[in-house]
Amino acid sequence: MNFKIKLLLLICGAFGFAKIQAQDTKKPNIIHILADDVGFDDLSCFGSKDINTPNLDKLAAEGMKFTSFYAPHGTCTPSRAATLTGRYAPRVNNGTGLYVLFPHSKHGLEDELEVSITELLKEQGYTTGLYGKWHLGHLPQYLPCVHGFDEFLGIPYPNDHGPERIGNSGWRPNGISDPEIPLIEQAQIIKRCDNNDLAELPALFTREACKFIYRATQEEKPFYLQYANIETHTPWFVPKGFEGQSKAAAYGDAVEYLDRSVGIILNTLKRLKIEDNTIIVFSSDNGPLVHRDEELENCYGKFGFTDPDREHILREGKYQERYEGGIRVSCIMKWPGMIPENTECDVPVTGMDLFTTFANIAGAQIPTDRVIDGKDILPLMKNEEGAVAPHKAVYGFTATGRLMSIRYKSWKLILPGKHWTGNLDTAHLYNVENDPGEKENVADKNPDVVDTILAMAKQAEDAIKNNRPINN
């Protein structure tokens, strides 16, 4: 063969190999679909009999279901803050924590005190966007673009914080009603939304999220997208034409509309030929509503009605960290070639673990000047042989640092004390592997287990109080 031809072939081969290497080492896109108030068994792939979620079912078939995934808190604001920062809720804002925020709230997630996953990803060349609900502060100094998001289009707090909700003086000063929900782009209010507007926002957020994916792909930059839907939070408004589709009334319609949005996002990835290099995580910020609320019903009718007779696998729901239904949520992850298809993981993990896992995947450095509670769960995601549980235990803290529950192996210990779900004089113990509904208290039969977990509880409470790592 002619020497020049040989040389040309070698050069072309080297170029082709370099191109393949570049593709192999390209940082993956990351999409976190953060559902609002969706219960553990409100997806058909997690056992729902009255809600149909074919797109999420497909996602699960092509990836892994995490069946012991714990949201960091039983309400929106503390849970989202912990997920974004990788820290238990009472650690946030230098230990002051964050309660559920309202339109009159003057505080939020402090940029000077916290490091978000988006800030770490931006340092690694990611473009970042959030479409949907924020709920970590509505004032300009707390909005997403202060915390590492390049783009934001959404509402700053839940869609039921509007003028029809007067509520009580404990939540809204002097019973003053809230303003109409603001739709914010970057840091600018572009519209005040009435209920008809709110019903159309889910479609807008889906379209704009897809546009964000397209722009990032055209720029050949890796992206992080948080798609934080609003329709599964009361009021359960969906765009016109999509009502009455579910057997689970208005709430079911909302979950099924979310599923359609997931399908549109998945199709966008496929059309742009980037699905093989994209990590998709679906999870919820906390459990579902399970009790009727008279004010919600008075304000929104069927769009605020919770059916108390609708059965759930887990006990209780939103607004508490005591029982499984408040913090154990459905989670699905897909990453072609890395996460094996149609698999399950029952190892307890948390929303905080996404912070550390995403950072490590992107090559970012985990902050060392603060306690980070999130662990790297990539070995579990990859179903590696010998992968171990990242946490010795998972703790259910309130935003103020009161410890309500501990998940340890197959055990769940409920600490004694006063609570709206009932007052307990002694600790209750459940084997949630065999009894996920926490129906049979087996504390008397397992006193050694109770003592072991109580000792862990004391250490964890001291660690939170004194800003030290939990021995975990």
Protein backbone atom coordinates (compact mmCIF):
# COMPACT_ATOMS: atom_id res chain seq x y z
CA MET A 1 0.00 0.00 0.00
CA ASN A 2 1.22 3.52 -0.82
CA PHE A 3 2.87 5.17 2.22
CA LYS A 4 0.75 8.33 1.86
CA ILE A 5 -2.44 6.27 1.81
CA LYS A 6 -1.30 4.35 4.89
CA LEU A 7 -0.56 7.61 6.68
CA LEU A 8 -3.94 9.03 5.70
CA LEU A 9 -5.71 5.91 6.98
CA LEU A 10 -3.82 6.10 10.26
CA ILE A 11 -4.72 9.78 10.69
CA CYS A 12 -8.38 9.12 9.88
CA GLY A 13 -8.43 6.14 12.23
CA ALA A 14 -6.90 8.19 15.00
CA PHE A 15 -9.41 10.97 14.39
CA GLY A 16 -12.28 8.49 14.46
CA PHE A 17 -10.99 6.93 17.69
CA ALA A 18 -10.61 10.38 19.26
CA LYS A 19 -14.17 11.22 18.22
CA ILE A 20 -15.47 8.00 19.79
CA GLN A 21 -13.51 8.73 22.94
CA ALA A 22 -14.94 12.25 23.06
CA GLN A 23 -18.46 10.83 22.76
CA ASP A 24 -17.76 8.27 25.46
CA THR A 25 -16.41 10.87 27.86
CA LYS A 26 -19.03 13.53 27.15
CA LYS A 27 -20.75 14.50 30.37
CA PRO A 28 -24.30 13.18 30.51
CA ASN A 29 -27.34 15.39 30.49
CA ILE A 30 -29.39 15.18 33.68
CA ILE A 31 -33.14 15.56 33.96
CA HIS A 32 -34.81 15.51 37.37
CA ILE A 33 -38.58 15.30 37.13
CA LEU A 34 -39.58 16.45 40.60
CA ALA A 35 -43.24 15.60 41.01
CA ASP A 36 -45.39 17.48 43.50
CA ASP A 37 -47.28 15.51 46.18
CA VAL A 38 -47.40 12.24 44.22
CA GLY A 39 -47.86 9.16 46.38
CA PHE A 40 -45.71 6.04 46.38
CA ASP A 41 -48.39 3.92 44.72
CA ASP A 42 -49.94 6.58 42.47
CA LEU A 43 -48.12 5.26 39.39
CA SER A 44 -49.35 2.09 37.72
CA CYS A 45 -45.80 0.67 37.75
CA PHE A 46 -45.84 1.11 41.56
CA GLY A 47 -49.19 -0.57 42.04
CA SER A 48 -51.89 1.99 41.24
CA LYS A 49 -55.13 0.41 40.07
CA ASP A 50 -56.99 3.63 39.26
CA ILE A 51 -54.30 5.83 37.66
CA ASN A 52 -52.71 4.94 34.34
CA THR A 53 -49.12 6.09 33.73
CA PRO A 54 -47.83 4.38 30.54
CA ASN A 55 -44.90 6.73 29.99
CA LEU A 56 -43.56 6.38 33.51
CA ASP A 57 -44.16 2.63 33.26
CA LYS A 58 -42.02 2.61 30.11
CA LEU A 59 -39.35 4.62 31.90
CA ALA A 60 -39.33 2.01 34.67
CA ALA A 61 -39.13 -0.84 32.16
CA GLU A 62 -36.11 0.81 30.57
CA GLY A 63 -34.43 1.60 33.87
CA MET A 64 -34.60 0.97 37.62
CA LYS A 65 -37.31 1.44 40.22
CA PHE A 66 -36.11 2.52 43.65
CA THR A 67 -38.72 1.13 46.01
CA SER A 68 -37.25 2.51 49.27
CA PHE A 69 -36.59 6.08 48.12
CA TYR A 70 -37.15 8.68 50.84
CA ALA A 71 -37.95 12.33 50.22
CA PRO A 72 -36.02 14.41 52.77
CA HIS A 73 -39.18 15.86 54.35
CA GLY A 74 -42.96 15.53 54.37
CA THR A 75 -43.60 19.02 52.93
CA CYS A 76 -42.49 20.91 49.84
CA THR A 77 -40.05 23.65 50.93
CA PRO A 78 -37.84 21.67 53.35
CA SER A 79 -37.77 18.67 51.01
CA ARG A 80 -36.75 20.71 47.96
CA ALA A 81 -34.12 22.61 49.93
CA ALA A 82 -32.59 19.36 51.18
CA THR A 83 -32.64 17.82 47.70
CA LEU A 84 -30.97 20.85 46.12
CA THR A 85 -28.24 21.11 48.77
CA GLY A 86 -27.71 17.46 49.78
CA ARG A 87 -28.32 18.33 53.45
CA TYR A 88 -30.98 17.29 55.93
CA ALA A 89 -33.67 19.96 56.14
CA PRO A 90 -32.79 21.32 59.62
CA ARG A 91 -29.18 21.98 58.48
CA VAL A 92 -30.32 24.36 55.72
CA ASN A 93 -29.52 28.07 56.05
CA ASN A 94 -26.79 27.46 58.59
CA GLY A 95 -29.04 25.42 60.84
CA THR A 96 -32.14 27.61 60.91
CA GLY A 97 -34.02 25.34 58.50
CA LEU A 98 -36.79 26.37 56.11
CA TYR A 99 -40.49 26.00 56.78
CA VAL A 100 -43.16 25.91 54.09
CA LEU A 101 -43.02 29.34 52.44
CA PHE A 102 -46.03 31.51 51.68
CA PRO A 103 -46.53 34.65 49.57
CA HIS A 104 -46.01 36.82 52.66
CA SER A 105 -42.77 35.00 53.67
CA LYS A 106 -39.73 37.27 53.74
CA HIS A 107 -37.09 34.56 53.74
CA GLY A 108 -35.89 31.74 51.50
CA LEU A 109 -32.89 29.60 50.60
CA GLU A 110 -29.82 31.74 51.32
CA ASP A 111 -27.27 31.70 48.50
CA GLU A 112 -24.49 32.90 50.80
CA LEU A 113 -25.09 29.99 53.17
CA GLU A 114 -25.85 27.11 50.79
CA VAL A 115 -24.29 25.49 47.72
CA SER A 116 -26.76 24.01 45.25
CA ILE A 117 -26.18 21.13 42.85
CA THR A 118 -26.85 23.53 39.99
CA GLU A 119 -23.96 25.74 41.05
CA LEU A 120 -21.63 22.74 41.05
CA LEU A 121 -22.88 21.60 37.64
CA LYS A 122 -22.46 25.06 36.12
CA GLU A 123 -18.80 24.96 37.13
CA GLN A 124 -18.53 21.79 35.04
CA GLY A 125 -19.95 23.44 31.93
CA TYR A 126 -23.61 22.53 32.34
CA THR A 127 -26.42 24.81 31.27
CA THR A 128 -29.23 24.65 33.79
CA GLY A 129 -32.97 25.27 33.72
CA LEU A 130 -36.01 24.98 35.96
CA TYR A 131 -39.58 24.87 34.68
CA GLY A 132 -42.49 24.68 37.09
CA LYS A 133 -42.59 25.24 40.84
CA TRP A 134 -39.71 26.66 42.89
CA HIS A 135 -40.98 27.19 46.47
CA LEU A 136 -37.66 28.22 48.02
CA GLY A 137 -38.33 31.96 48.25
CA HIS A 138 -40.30 34.35 46.03
CA LEU A 139 -38.21 37.50 46.58
CA PRO A 140 -35.55 38.30 43.94
CA GLN A 141 -32.63 37.36 46.20
CA TYR A 142 -33.99 33.80 46.57
CA LEU A 143 -35.12 32.92 43.04
CA PRO A 144 -33.59 30.04 41.01
CA CYS A 145 -31.24 32.18 38.95
CA VAL A 146 -29.47 33.16 42.18
CA HIS A 147 -28.86 29.48 42.88
CA GLY A 148 -27.22 28.41 39.64
CA PHE A 149 -30.15 28.10 37.25
CA ASP A 150 -29.51 29.81 33.91
CA GLU A 151 -33.19 29.75 33.02
CA PHE A 152 -36.36 29.79 35.09
CA LEU A 153 -39.98 29.93 34.07
CA GLY A 154 -42.44 29.05 36.76
CA ILE A 155 -44.31 29.95 39.90
CA PRO A 156 -42.49 30.73 43.16
CA TYR A 157 -44.84 28.82 45.47
CA PRO A 158 -47.78 26.38 45.17
CA ASN A 159 -50.72 27.01 42.90
CA ASP A 160 -53.14 27.06 45.86
CA HIS A 161 -51.55 30.13 47.46
CA GLY A 162 -53.94 32.48 45.67
CA PRO A 163 -56.44 35.11 46.82
CA GLU A 164 -59.20 32.56 47.48
CA ARG A 165 -57.11 31.05 50.31
CA ILE A 166 -57.57 33.21 53.40
CA GLY A 167 -56.81 30.41 55.84
CA ASN A 168 -55.88 31.13 59.43
CA SER A 169 -53.77 33.89 60.95
CA GLY A 170 -50.98 31.44 61.77
CA TRP A 171 -50.20 31.03 58.08
CA ARG A 172 -51.43 34.32 56.64
CA PRO A 173 -51.01 37.42 58.81
CA ASN A 174 -54.32 38.89 59.96
CA GLY A 175 -56.19 36.58 57.59
CA ILE A 176 -55.16 38.72 54.60
CA SER A 177 -55.66 36.87 51.33
CA ASP A 178 -52.76 36.21 48.97
CA PRO A 179 -52.21 37.94 45.62
CA GLU A 180 -52.82 36.12 42.36
CA ILE A 181 -50.08 33.58 41.61
CA PRO A 182 -47.17 35.22 39.77
CA LEU A 183 -45.69 33.61 36.67
CA ILE A 184 -42.00 34.49 36.75
CA GLU A 185 -39.42 34.39 33.97
CA GLN A 186 -35.90 34.66 35.36
CA ALA A 187 -36.64 37.26 38.07
CA GLN A 188 -39.43 39.19 36.33
CA ILE A 189 -43.15 38.73 36.98
CA ILE A 190 -44.64 38.44 33.49
CA LYS A 191 -48.20 37.63 34.51
CA ARG A 192 -50.56 37.28 37.47
CA CYS A 193 -52.49 34.04 37.04
CA ASP A 194 -56.11 33.33 37.81
CA ASN A 195 -57.35 29.75 38.03
CA ASN A 196 -57.95 29.51 34.28
CA ASP A 197 -54.35 30.54 33.69
CA LEU A 198 -53.09 28.00 36.21
CA ALA A 199 -54.88 25.23 34.33
CA GLU A 200 -52.87 26.00 31.19
CA LEU A 201 -49.46 26.40 32.84
CA PRO A 202 -48.58 22.67 32.85
CA ALA A 203 -48.66 22.62 29.05
CA LEU A 204 -46.57 25.81 28.91
CA PHE A 205 -43.93 24.40 31.25
CA THR A 206 -43.67 21.20 29.19
CA ARG A 207 -43.23 23.11 25.94
CA GLU A 208 -40.62 25.44 27.40
CA ALA A 209 -38.72 22.56 28.99
CA CYS A 210 -38.50 20.90 25.58
CA LYS A 211 -37.27 24.16 24.05
CA PHE A 212 -34.59 24.34 26.75
CA ILE A 213 -33.44 20.82 25.86
CA TYR A 214 -33.30 21.76 22.19
CA ARG A 215 -31.27 24.94 22.82
CA ALA A 216 -28.76 23.16 25.04
CA THR A 217 -28.37 20.39 22.46
CA GLN A 218 -27.80 22.89 19.64
CA GLU A 219 -25.11 24.55 21.73
CA GLU A 220 -23.55 21.11 22.34
CA LYS A 221 -23.51 21.70 26.08
CA PRO A 222 -24.52 19.20 28.74
CA PHE A 223 -27.64 20.32 30.56
CA TYR A 224 -29.39 19.89 33.87
CA LEU A 225 -33.15 20.27 33.75
CA GLN A 226 -35.43 20.27 36.75
CA TYR A 227 -38.97 19.79 35.57
CA ALA A 228 -41.09 20.56 38.64
CA ASN A 229 -44.73 20.05 37.67
CA ILE A 230 -47.53 21.89 39.45
CA GLU A 231 -50.78 20.14 38.52
CA THR A 232 -50.47 17.30 41.06
CA HIS A 233 -50.51 19.88 43.85
CA THR A 234 -53.93 21.27 44.77
CA PRO A 235 -55.87 22.60 42.98
CA TRP A 236 -55.68 19.71 40.51
CA PHE A 237 -56.20 21.78 37.37
CA VAL A 238 -55.19 20.33 34.01
CA PRO A 239 -55.39 21.93 30.56
CA LYS A 240 -58.79 22.01 28.93
CA GLY A 241 -59.66 18.72 27.25
CA PHE A 242 -57.76 16.51 29.68
CA GLU A 243 -60.30 16.34 32.50
CA GLY A 244 -62.22 13.19 33.33
CA GLN A 245 -59.61 10.83 31.91
CA SER A 246 -58.75 9.00 35.14
CA LYS A 247 -60.65 6.69 37.46
CA ALA A 248 -59.15 8.61 40.41
CA ALA A 249 -61.09 11.86 39.87
CA ALA A 250 -59.31 15.21 39.53
CA TYR A 251 -56.15 14.07 41.29
CA GLY A 252 -55.87 11.09 38.96
CA ASP A 253 -56.32 13.41 35.96
CA ALA A 254 -53.41 15.49 37.24
CA VAL A 255 -51.09 12.49 37.62
CA GLU A 256 -52.05 11.22 34.19
CA TYR A 257 -51.37 14.64 32.70
CA LEU A 258 -47.95 14.63 34.35
CA ASP A 259 -47.36 11.24 32.73
CA ARG A 260 -48.20 12.75 29.32
CA SER A 261 -45.69 15.52 29.94
CA VAL A 262 -43.05 12.93 30.79
CA GLY A 263 -43.82 11.21 27.48
CA ILE A 264 -43.35 14.47 25.57
CA ILE A 265 -39.97 15.07 27.24
CA LEU A 266 -38.88 11.49 26.50
CA ASN A 267 -39.90 11.88 22.85
CA THR A 268 -37.89 15.10 22.65
CA LEU A 269 -34.77 13.26 23.79
CA LYS A 270 -35.38 10.54 21.24
CA ARG A 271 -35.99 13.00 18.41
CA LEU A 272 -32.77 14.85 19.23
CA LYS A 273 -30.91 11.52 19.51
CA ILE A 274 -29.58 12.29 22.98
CA GLU A 275 -31.50 9.78 25.08
CA ASP A 276 -28.47 7.47 25.34
CA ASN A 277 -26.47 10.21 27.06
CA THR A 278 -29.19 11.46 29.39
CA ILE A 279 -29.88 10.50 32.99
CA ILE A 280 -33.54 10.76 33.92
CA VAL A 281 -34.70 10.68 37.52
CA PHE A 282 -38.34 10.78 38.54
CA SER A 283 -39.22 11.32 42.20
CA SER A 284 -41.69 13.24 44.35
CA ASP A 285 -41.02 15.95 46.92
CA ASN A 286 -43.24 14.21 49.49
CA GLY A 287 -46.24 11.94 49.82
CA PRO A 288 -49.84 12.67 48.80
CA LEU A 289 -52.81 14.27 50.49
CA VAL A 290 -54.86 11.58 52.20
CA HIS A 291 -57.24 13.61 54.40
CA ARG A 292 -60.06 15.93 53.38
CA ASP A 293 -59.51 19.68 53.74
CA GLU A 294 -62.66 21.75 54.05
CA GLU A 295 -61.02 24.98 52.91
CA LEU A 296 -59.56 23.37 49.79
CA GLU A 297 -62.97 21.94 48.93
CA ASN A 298 -64.69 25.30 49.50
CA CYS A 299 -62.15 27.05 47.27
CA TYR A 300 -61.72 24.50 44.47
CA GLY A 301 -64.59 22.03 44.65
CA LYS A 302 -63.69 18.70 43.07
CA PHE A 303 -60.21 20.03 42.27
CA GLY A 304 -59.49 20.19 46.00
CA PHE A 305 -61.35 17.10 47.15
CA THR A 306 -59.26 14.29 48.65
CA ASP A 307 -61.02 10.93 48.72
CA PRO A 308 -60.36 9.55 52.22
CA ASP A 309 -61.52 6.09 51.11
CA ARG A 310 -58.92 5.77 48.37
CA GLU A 311 -56.54 3.05 49.52
CA HIS A 312 -52.77 3.41 49.70
CA ILE A 313 -50.05 0.87 50.43
CA LEU A 314 -48.28 3.17 52.88
CA ARG A 315 -49.62 4.70 56.09
CA GLU A 316 -50.59 8.39 56.20
CA GLY A 317 -49.32 10.96 53.69
CA LYS A 318 -48.08 14.51 53.29
CA TYR A 319 -47.31 16.86 56.23
CA GLN A 320 -45.48 14.36 58.44
CA GLU A 321 -42.18 12.49 58.71
CA ARG A 322 -43.46 9.86 61.11
CA TYR A 323 -45.04 7.25 58.85
CA GLU A 324 -43.94 5.95 55.47
CA GLY A 325 -46.65 7.69 53.45
CA GLY A 326 -45.22 11.14 54.11
CA ILE A 327 -41.68 10.59 52.91
CA ARG A 328 -41.36 7.26 51.07
CA VAL A 329 -42.10 8.01 47.44
CA SER A 330 -41.83 6.38 44.04
CA CYS A 331 -38.56 6.87 42.20
CA ILE A 332 -37.44 5.78 38.74
CA MET A 333 -34.01 6.23 37.14
CA LYS A 334 -32.90 5.61 33.58
CA TRP A 335 -29.44 5.92 32.03
CA PRO A 336 -28.97 3.72 28.96
CA GLY A 337 -25.86 1.57 29.09
CA MET A 338 -25.31 2.33 32.78
CA ILE A 339 -28.54 1.49 34.59
CA PRO A 340 -29.74 -2.01 33.64
CA GLU A 341 -33.25 -2.23 32.25
CA ASN A 342 -36.27 -3.47 34.18
CA THR A 343 -34.52 -3.67 37.54
CA GLU A 344 -35.44 -2.76 41.10
CA CYS A 345 -33.47 -1.54 44.10
CA ASP A 346 -34.96 -1.78 47.58
CA VAL A 347 -31.96 -0.29 49.39
CA PRO A 348 -33.01 2.84 51.35
CA VAL A 349 -31.76 6.01 49.63
CA THR A 350 -32.82 9.66 49.82
CA GLY A 351 -33.44 12.71 47.69
CA MET A 352 -30.28 14.20 49.18
CA ASP A 353 -28.24 11.46 47.50
CA LEU A 354 -29.01 13.00 44.11
CA PHE A 355 -26.82 15.99 45.03
CA THR A 356 -23.71 13.91 45.62
CA THR A 357 -24.39 11.44 42.82
CA PHE A 358 -24.99 14.10 40.16
CA ALA A 359 -21.92 16.03 41.31
CA ASN A 360 -19.67 12.97 41.13
CA ILE A 361 -21.00 11.95 37.72
CA ALA A 362 -20.30 15.46 36.40
CA GLY A 363 -16.80 15.54 37.92
CA ALA A 364 -17.64 18.30 40.39
CA GLN A 365 -15.96 18.61 43.77
CA ILE A 366 -18.21 18.00 46.77
CA PRO A 367 -18.00 20.92 49.24
CA THR A 368 -15.81 20.16 52.24
CA ASP A 369 -16.66 23.26 54.27
CA ARG A 370 -20.06 21.93 55.35
CA VAL A 371 -21.78 18.69 56.25
CA ILE A 372 -23.19 16.96 53.18
CA ASP A 373 -25.59 14.15 54.07
CA GLY A 374 -26.15 12.85 50.53
CA LYS A 375 -24.22 9.77 49.41
CA ASP A 376 -23.11 8.54 45.99
CA ILE A 377 -25.63 5.92 44.86
CA LEU A 378 -24.14 5.29 41.40
CA PRO A 379 -23.04 1.73 42.34
CA LEU A 380 -26.66 0.95 43.22
CA MET A 381 -27.89 2.61 40.02
CA LYS A 382 -25.51 0.44 38.00
CA ASN A 383 -26.57 -2.63 39.97
CA GLU A 384 -22.92 -3.39 40.67
CA GLU A 385 -22.11 -6.63 42.40
CA GLY A 386 -21.19 -5.91 46.00
CA ALA A 387 -22.80 -2.46 46.07
CA VAL A 388 -23.62 -1.63 49.68
CA ALA A 389 -26.27 0.51 51.32
CA PRO A 390 -24.98 4.10 51.35
CA HIS A 391 -26.64 4.92 54.68
CA LYS A 392 -26.61 3.02 57.93
CA ALA A 393 -30.04 4.55 58.49
CA VAL A 394 -32.35 7.16 56.98
CA TYR A 395 -33.81 9.73 59.38
CA GLY A 396 -37.14 11.52 59.30
CA PHE A 397 -36.40 14.98 60.69
CA THR A 398 -38.79 17.90 60.91
CA ALA A 399 -37.54 21.23 59.58
CA THR A 400 -36.71 22.27 63.15
CA GLY A 401 -34.61 19.18 63.84
CA ARG A 402 -37.06 17.04 65.79
CA LEU A 403 -36.49 13.41 64.89
CA MET A 404 -39.71 11.55 64.12
CA SER A 405 -38.59 8.25 62.62
CA ILE A 406 -35.62 6.11 61.61
CA ARG A 407 -35.45 3.58 58.79
CA TYR A 408 -32.78 1.00 59.67
CA LYS A 409 -32.44 -2.02 57.38
CA SER A 410 -35.94 -3.54 57.22
CA TRP A 411 -36.99 -1.76 60.44
CA LYS A 412 -38.82 1.51 60.96
CA LEU A 413 -38.84 3.04 64.45
CA ILE A 414 -41.36 5.75 65.31
CA LEU A 415 -40.22 7.89 68.22
CA PRO A 416 -42.62 8.66 71.08
CA GLY A 417 -44.15 12.09 71.57
CA LYS A 418 -47.07 14.31 70.64
CA HIS A 419 -48.09 14.65 67.02
CA TRP A 420 -51.21 15.38 65.01
CA THR A 421 -51.19 11.75 63.82
CA GLY A 422 -51.52 10.63 67.46
CA ASN A 423 -49.62 10.75 70.73
CA LEU A 424 -47.22 7.89 71.49
CA ASP A 425 -46.00 7.11 74.99
CA THR A 426 -43.43 4.62 73.75
CA ALA A 427 -41.51 3.95 70.55
CA HIS A 428 -43.26 1.88 67.89
CA LEU A 429 -41.37 -0.55 65.67
CA TYR A 430 -42.44 -1.89 62.29
CA ASN A 431 -40.86 -4.26 59.82
CA VAL A 432 -41.62 -2.24 56.69
CA GLU A 433 -40.23 -4.94 54.42
CA ASN A 434 -43.05 -7.28 55.45
CA ASP A 435 -45.45 -4.61 56.69
CA PRO A 436 -45.09 -1.49 54.50
CA GLY A 437 -48.41 -0.16 55.80
CA GLU A 438 -47.04 -0.06 59.38
CA LYS A 439 -50.02 -1.93 60.81
CA GLU A 440 -48.36 -4.17 63.40
CA ASN A 441 -46.21 -2.64 66.14
CA VAL A 442 -43.57 -5.26 66.98
CA ALA A 443 -41.56 -3.24 69.51
CA ASP A 444 -42.37 -5.59 72.41
CA LYS A 445 -41.14 -8.56 70.40
CA ASN A 446 -37.84 -6.90 69.43
CA PRO A 447 -36.55 -4.88 72.42
CA ASP A 448 -32.90 -5.20 71.32
CA VAL A 449 -33.71 -3.71 67.94
CA VAL A 450 -35.55 -0.83 69.60
CA ASP A 451 -32.59 -0.12 71.90
CA THR A 452 -30.14 -0.23 68.98
CA ILE A 453 -32.14 2.23 66.91
CA LEU A 454 -32.81 4.54 69.88
CA ALA A 455 -29.05 4.82 70.39
CA MET A 456 -28.66 5.73 66.72
CA ALA A 457 -31.45 8.29 67.11
CA LYS A 458 -29.67 10.05 69.98
CA GLN A 459 -26.44 10.25 67.98
CA ALA A 460 -28.27 11.62 64.94
CA GLU A 461 -30.14 14.29 66.94
CA ASP A 462 -26.87 15.41 68.56
CA ALA A 463 -25.19 15.52 65.14
CA ILE A 464 -27.89 17.76 63.70
CA LYS A 465 -27.93 20.00 66.79
CA ASN A 466 -24.14 20.42 66.78
CA ASN A 467 -23.72 20.52 62.98
CA ARG A 468 -21.70 17.32 62.79
CA PRO A 469 -21.93 14.42 60.34
CA ILE A 470 -24.32 11.67 61.35
CA ASN A 471 -22.45 8.45 62.04
CA ASN A 472 -23.90 6.93 58.94
